[in-house]
Amino acid sequence: MEYFPAPLETLVEQFARLPGIGGKTAQRLAFFVLGLPAEDVNAFASALVDAKKNITLCPVCQNFTAGGLCPICASEKRDASTICVVADPRDVAAMERSREYQGRYHVLHGVISPLNRVGPEDLAIRPLLERVQAGGVAEVIMATNPDTEGEATAMYLARLLRPLGVKVTRLAYGIPVGGHLEFADEATLLRALEGRREL
């Protein structure tokens, strides 16, 4: 039995399709939207339609852009000889928050995951290889997540890139800042030891 009018049920269903949004949260969001003034709802809907229509992929790094090159690829200040490979555009934002990395990026839009039927052909690997083959790239940094899929993707790309004469590195992983050794698992401690550096 439906408790709400059909348009409200549809709105709740659409919110529930978003990742991390359950039924109660979807309902809460739907009621919030209904409580907004009409101009705010129109602005929200317009922003959704505008983003879907105007956001494209950068022809160089495959990151999101509003047409043409993304701001990072267009910047003359960025080091074009270093490419940081990430799985998702959100990872670019995370790296940029550190304000330490001054190179460029390449977004794969996923990782190799046989269980989810995602193979190398489903990722933006060919544009990466073309960038490296074009020359001028000295180092490719693998910055995929340190899980099974991320590691498999990094290893697969490393095998493809090494014959092209480019240095392939992996982000160091280990004990987080503010963490305690007693709470670290064996894999984290191993990574911390492997990634150690001289002081």
Foldseek 3Di string as FASTA:
>chain_A
DDPDPPVLVVQLVVQCPDPPAHSVNSNVVSVVLVPDPPVVNVVVVVVVVCCVVQWFAELQAGATDRDYHHPLVPDPQAQAQEEEEEAHNVVVVVVVVVVPHRHYYHYFVHFDDVVVPDHSVNTPLVSVLVSLLVDSHAEYEQEYDPDPRSVVRLVVSCVVCVVSVHHYYYDQAAADVVGDPVPDDPVRHVSCVVPDDDD
